[in-house]
């Protein structure tokens, strides 16, 4: 089975491992090609490329962009991007500035619920002071005994209808896809089952995404059940979208799948790496 993982995170966003340690861990799991797709930031790619050379792993330049679509938050992964493309650089910078505003608002909401010091606590959890996300707040809440682990936090806090939830407007789907395509990359809808949208709205999303130039969808990902994997494999085939696979790895104890442990794409899928030039990888695997 081809060991490729196209969705992972480092301490540059909300991962537990530094870019170097992430690549070393990938090597220990016999991963042949890895995409580093930190949230709204590409600052870890240079370090990751250096370590990838030491580990003899192919590193794919990636990013995961936060998008607002129909009042919902979506994540669009960019693969094979040029991280120095000016519109991408400027767009991601603007999103990160919005993230800081959201973090302050989350802290204010938690403070109203009697949970104090969360902004400072989340900041201490973040490896990147420019990017404080909900996962950093979740780790703070775990450290203070409000939940047993990060996964449990999102059942009681930080989500709609719960303490610490804050609505936020990210960038548009059009802009995210445009930045990715303009940088030479491919746009992929990340973990589509997580959005919990009905079939009609899902069809609308896929049609709009394709019209904008999006080319891929994550079929195999850690949060998909086998039934959902089959559903999105069929949708990818029908919509002529390339299929991607990614663990969405954040670190030990916080991910459903470890690096290198993803199941294979269903046979009807056309892998997104079909036309990529990746050393030592056979395209028909």
Protein backbone atom coordinates (compact mmCIF):
# COMPACT_ATOMS: atom_id res chain seq x y z
CA UNK A 1 0.00 0.00 0.00
CA UNK A 2 1.23 3.47 -0.88
CA UNK A 3 2.15 5.28 2.34
CA UNK A 4 1.28 8.90 1.67
CA UNK A 5 -0.33 11.42 4.03
CA UNK A 6 -1.51 14.76 2.69
CA UNK A 7 -2.83 16.47 5.84
CA UNK A 8 -0.75 17.10 8.96
CA UNK A 9 0.00 19.86 11.45
CA UNK A 10 3.02 21.12 13.39
CA UNK A 11 3.55 23.61 16.20
CA UNK A 12 3.38 26.37 13.60
CA UNK A 13 -0.39 25.99 13.93
CA UNK A 14 -2.01 23.61 16.41
CA UNK A 15 0.13 20.47 16.16
CA UNK A 16 2.09 19.05 19.08
CA UNK A 17 5.33 18.33 17.19
CA UNK A 18 7.70 20.82 15.60
CA UNK A 19 8.12 20.50 11.82
CA UNK A 20 11.39 18.60 12.32
CA UNK A 21 9.92 16.20 14.86
CA UNK A 22 6.85 15.69 12.67
CA UNK A 23 9.03 14.61 9.73
CA UNK A 24 11.11 12.35 11.98
CA UNK A 25 7.92 10.74 13.26
CA UNK A 26 6.66 10.29 9.70
CA UNK A 27 9.92 8.55 8.80
CA UNK A 28 9.55 6.22 11.77
CA UNK A 29 6.15 5.24 10.35
CA UNK A 30 7.57 4.59 6.86
CA UNK A 31 5.69 7.49 5.26
CA UNK A 32 6.97 8.04 1.72
CA UNK A 33 5.40 11.46 1.12
CA UNK A 34 3.93 13.93 3.60
CA UNK A 35 2.16 17.25 3.19
CA UNK A 36 2.56 19.77 6.00
CA UNK A 37 -0.73 21.68 6.01
CA UNK A 38 -0.67 24.03 8.97
CA UNK A 39 -3.70 26.24 9.52
CA UNK A 40 -3.38 29.55 7.67
CA UNK A 41 0.43 29.56 7.85
CA UNK A 42 3.34 28.18 5.84
CA UNK A 43 6.15 29.20 8.19
CA UNK A 44 7.07 25.60 9.02
CA UNK A 45 7.83 24.48 5.47
CA UNK A 46 11.51 25.51 5.35
CA UNK A 47 12.34 23.55 8.52
CA UNK A 48 10.23 20.65 7.32
CA UNK A 49 12.02 20.50 3.95
CA UNK A 50 15.41 20.35 5.67
CA UNK A 51 14.30 17.46 7.87
CA UNK A 52 12.61 15.72 4.95
CA UNK A 53 15.97 15.57 3.18
CA UNK A 54 17.55 14.00 6.25
CA UNK A 55 14.76 11.43 6.47
CA UNK A 56 14.52 10.75 2.70
CA UNK A 57 10.83 11.70 2.65
CA UNK A 58 9.14 13.71 -0.09
CA UNK A 59 7.58 16.80 1.48
CA UNK A 60 4.62 18.43 -0.26
CA UNK A 61 4.18 22.16 0.35
CA UNK A 62 0.75 22.59 1.90
CA UNK A 63 -1.57 24.81 3.89
CA UNK A 64 -5.09 24.51 5.36
CA UNK A 65 -7.11 27.67 4.78
CA UNK A 66 -10.06 28.67 6.96
CA UNK A 67 -13.11 29.58 4.86
CA UNK A 68 -16.60 30.87 5.57
CA UNK A 69 -19.26 29.50 3.21
CA UNK A 70 -23.01 29.89 3.82
CA UNK A 71 -22.29 30.88 7.43
CA UNK A 72 -20.29 27.67 7.95
CA UNK A 73 -16.59 27.21 8.54
CA UNK A 74 -14.90 25.00 5.95
CA UNK A 75 -11.27 24.05 5.55
CA UNK A 76 -9.61 24.03 2.14
CA UNK A 77 -6.24 22.32 1.85
CA UNK A 78 -3.76 23.61 -0.71
CA UNK A 79 -1.26 21.04 -2.01
CA UNK A 80 1.84 21.77 -4.07
CA UNK A 81 1.61 25.48 -3.35
CA UNK A 82 4.28 28.13 -3.73
CA UNK A 83 4.40 29.57 -0.19
CA UNK A 84 5.94 32.81 -1.48
CA UNK A 85 3.06 33.65 -3.86
CA UNK A 86 2.18 37.24 -2.77
CA UNK A 87 -1.65 36.94 -2.79
CA UNK A 88 -1.38 33.75 -0.71
CA UNK A 89 1.10 35.34 1.70
CA UNK A 90 -1.04 38.44 2.16
CA UNK A 91 -4.29 36.49 2.42
CA UNK A 92 -2.96 34.15 5.09
CA UNK A 93 -1.60 37.10 7.05
CA UNK A 94 -5.04 38.69 7.11
CA UNK A 95 -6.62 35.43 8.31
CA UNK A 96 -4.07 35.13 11.13
CA UNK A 97 -4.87 38.66 12.27
CA UNK A 98 -8.52 37.62 12.44
CA UNK A 99 -7.55 34.53 14.43
CA UNK A 100 -6.05 36.74 17.14
CA UNK A 101 -9.27 38.74 17.36
CA UNK A 102 -11.27 35.51 17.62
CA UNK A 103 -8.97 34.18 20.36
CA UNK A 104 -9.56 37.28 22.43
CA UNK A 105 -13.33 36.91 21.93
CA UNK A 106 -13.21 33.22 22.95
CA UNK A 107 -11.35 34.16 26.12
CA UNK A 108 -13.98 36.80 26.92
CA UNK A 109 -16.77 34.22 26.50
CA UNK A 110 -14.99 31.70 28.73
CA UNK A 111 -14.40 34.42 31.29
CA UNK A 112 -18.17 35.03 31.43
CA UNK A 113 -18.58 31.31 32.15
CA UNK A 114 -16.22 31.53 35.11
CA UNK A 115 -13.14 30.18 33.33
CA UNK A 116 -10.45 32.81 33.80
CA UNK A 117 -7.01 33.25 32.31
CA UNK A 118 -7.80 31.29 29.15
CA UNK A 119 -6.18 33.69 26.69
CA UNK A 120 -2.88 33.55 28.55
CA UNK A 121 -3.27 29.80 28.98
CA UNK A 122 -4.00 29.21 25.30
CA UNK A 123 -1.11 31.48 24.33
CA UNK A 124 1.22 29.38 26.47
CA UNK A 125 0.01 26.25 24.66
CA UNK A 126 0.66 27.75 21.22
CA UNK A 127 4.04 27.25 19.59
CA UNK A 128 3.22 30.12 17.25
CA UNK A 129 2.11 33.32 18.99
CA UNK A 130 0.68 34.54 15.67
CA UNK A 131 -1.85 31.74 15.55
CA UNK A 132 -3.94 30.82 18.58
CA UNK A 133 -6.72 28.38 17.75
CA UNK A 134 -9.48 26.47 19.51
CA UNK A 135 -7.15 23.50 20.03
CA UNK A 136 -4.87 25.66 22.17
CA UNK A 137 -7.85 26.68 24.29
CA UNK A 138 -8.84 23.01 24.48
CA UNK A 139 -5.39 22.04 25.78
CA UNK A 140 -5.63 24.80 28.38
CA UNK A 141 -9.04 23.52 29.50
CA UNK A 142 -7.65 19.99 29.82
CA UNK A 143 -4.70 21.28 31.85
CA UNK A 144 -7.14 22.99 34.22
CA UNK A 145 -9.25 19.86 34.68
CA UNK A 146 -12.33 20.97 32.72
CA UNK A 147 -12.13 17.88 30.47
CA UNK A 148 -10.15 14.64 30.36
CA UNK A 149 -8.70 15.18 26.88
CA UNK A 150 -8.84 17.50 23.88
CA UNK A 151 -11.49 15.43 22.10
CA UNK A 152 -13.78 15.70 25.12
CA UNK A 153 -13.44 19.49 25.26
CA UNK A 154 -15.29 19.88 21.98
CA UNK A 155 -18.36 18.17 23.45
CA UNK A 156 -18.67 20.70 26.27
CA UNK A 157 -16.90 23.87 25.14
CA UNK A 158 -15.91 25.99 22.11
CA UNK A 159 -18.64 24.68 19.79
CA UNK A 160 -22.01 26.19 18.88
CA UNK A 161 -24.31 26.44 21.90
CA UNK A 162 -21.49 25.80 24.39
CA UNK A 163 -19.29 28.13 26.49
CA UNK A 164 -16.46 29.68 24.50
CA UNK A 165 -18.11 29.48 21.10
CA UNK A 166 -17.49 32.51 18.88
CA UNK A 167 -18.72 32.94 15.33
CA UNK A 168 -16.11 34.29 12.96
CA UNK A 169 -15.94 35.31 9.31
CA UNK A 170 -12.92 33.81 7.56
CA UNK A 171 -11.99 34.25 3.90
CA UNK A 172 -14.28 33.27 1.06
CA UNK A 173 -14.18 29.98 -0.84
CA UNK A 174 -13.45 31.93 -4.01
CA UNK A 175 -10.42 33.66 -2.48
CA UNK A 176 -8.98 30.50 -0.92
CA UNK A 177 -9.19 28.52 -4.15
CA UNK A 178 -7.83 31.47 -6.13
CA UNK A 179 -4.81 31.85 -3.83
CA UNK A 180 -4.03 28.15 -4.06
CA UNK A 181 -4.43 27.95 -7.83
CA UNK A 182 -2.49 31.17 -8.35
CA UNK A 183 0.42 29.71 -6.39
CA UNK A 184 0.49 26.64 -8.63
CA UNK A 185 -1.24 24.34 -6.17
CA UNK A 186 -4.36 22.17 -6.07
CA UNK A 187 -7.32 22.99 -3.84
CA UNK A 188 -8.84 20.14 -1.81
CA UNK A 189 -11.93 20.11 0.43
CA UNK A 190 -10.72 18.82 3.81
CA UNK A 191 -12.65 16.21 5.87
CA UNK A 192 -16.01 16.92 4.19
CA UNK A 193 -18.13 14.74 6.50
CA UNK A 194 -17.26 16.95 9.45
CA UNK A 195 -19.37 19.81 8.11
CA UNK A 196 -22.61 17.87 8.62
CA UNK A 197 -24.46 19.52 5.76
CA UNK A 198 -27.39 17.96 3.92
CA UNK A 199 -27.10 16.41 0.50
CA UNK A 200 -28.50 19.43 -1.34
CA UNK A 201 -26.07 21.87 0.26
CA UNK A 202 -23.23 19.39 -0.22
CA UNK A 203 -24.03 19.17 -3.93
CA UNK A 204 -24.06 22.97 -4.10
CA UNK A 205 -20.69 23.16 -2.37
CA UNK A 206 -19.10 20.63 -4.72
CA UNK A 207 -20.48 22.29 -7.85
CA UNK A 208 -19.33 25.75 -6.70
CA UNK A 209 -15.93 24.40 -5.68
CA UNK A 210 -15.43 22.78 -9.10
CA UNK A 211 -16.54 25.92 -10.93
CA UNK A 212 -13.96 27.94 -8.99
CA UNK A 213 -11.21 25.53 -10.01
CA UNK A 214 -11.06 23.22 -7.01
CA UNK A 215 -9.78 19.80 -8.00
CA UNK A 216 -9.77 17.47 -4.98
CA UNK A 217 -11.61 16.16 -1.95
CA UNK A 218 -10.39 14.19 1.06
CA UNK A 219 -11.94 10.77 0.74
CA UNK A 220 -9.83 9.01 3.35
CA UNK A 221 -9.31 11.01 6.53
CA UNK A 222 -9.22 10.19 10.22
CA UNK A 223 -12.71 11.49 11.01
CA UNK A 224 -14.48 9.55 8.23
CA UNK A 225 -16.26 6.29 8.95
CA UNK A 226 -15.96 3.50 6.34
CA UNK A 227 -19.45 4.41 5.12
CA UNK A 228 -18.48 8.07 4.72
CA UNK A 229 -15.32 7.06 2.88
CA UNK A 230 -17.43 5.11 0.39
CA UNK A 231 -19.87 8.04 0.06
CA UNK A 232 -17.15 10.54 -0.79
CA UNK A 233 -15.35 8.11 -3.07
CA UNK A 234 -18.54 7.88 -5.11
CA UNK A 235 -19.00 11.66 -5.06
CA UNK A 236 -15.39 12.22 -6.14
CA UNK A 237 -15.87 9.85 -9.05
CA UNK A 238 -19.17 11.43 -10.11
CA UNK A 239 -17.87 15.00 -9.83
CA UNK A 240 -14.54 14.14 -11.52
CA UNK A 241 -12.60 15.26 -8.45
CA UNK A 242 -9.23 13.83 -7.51
CA UNK A 243 -9.24 11.91 -4.23
CA UNK A 244 -6.90 12.85 -1.40
CA UNK A 245 -6.03 11.12 1.86
CA UNK A 246 -4.78 12.63 5.08
CA UNK A 247 -4.70 11.76 8.75
CA UNK A 248 -5.15 15.38 9.93
CA UNK A 249 -2.40 14.42 12.37
CA UNK A 250 -1.92 16.81 15.30
CA UNK A 251 0.24 14.69 17.57
CA UNK A 252 0.29 11.76 19.98
CA UNK A 253 -2.96 11.38 21.89
CA UNK A 254 -4.83 13.96 19.80
CA UNK A 255 -5.36 12.15 16.51
CA UNK A 256 -7.62 9.28 15.49
CA UNK A 257 -4.97 7.88 13.13
CA UNK A 258 -1.21 7.94 13.46
CA UNK A 259 0.93 8.93 10.49
CA UNK A 260 1.43 6.03 8.10
CA UNK A 261 -1.67 4.19 9.24
CA UNK A 262 -4.29 5.37 6.75
CA UNK A 263 -6.34 2.84 4.79
CA UNK A 264 -5.98 2.85 1.01
CA UNK A 265 -8.19 4.94 -1.23
CA UNK A 266 -11.16 3.02 -2.66
CA UNK A 267 -10.39 1.53 -6.10
CA UNK A 268 -12.75 3.83 -8.03
CA UNK A 269 -10.79 6.92 -6.90
CA UNK A 270 -8.27 8.81 -8.99
CA UNK A 271 -5.50 9.83 -6.53
CA UNK A 272 -4.61 13.51 -6.50
CA UNK A 273 -0.93 12.60 -6.84
CA UNK A 274 -1.51 10.82 -10.17
CA UNK A 275 0.39 13.47 -12.15
CA UNK A 276 2.87 14.49 -9.49
CA UNK A 277 6.58 13.87 -9.82
CA UNK A 278 7.37 12.06 -6.58
CA UNK A 279 10.56 9.97 -6.36
CA UNK A 280 10.12 6.26 -5.60
CA UNK A 281 6.33 6.37 -5.81
CA UNK A 282 4.49 4.36 -8.43
CA UNK A 283 1.45 6.28 -9.64
CA UNK A 284 -0.76 3.18 -9.88
CA UNK A 285 -0.39 2.27 -6.21
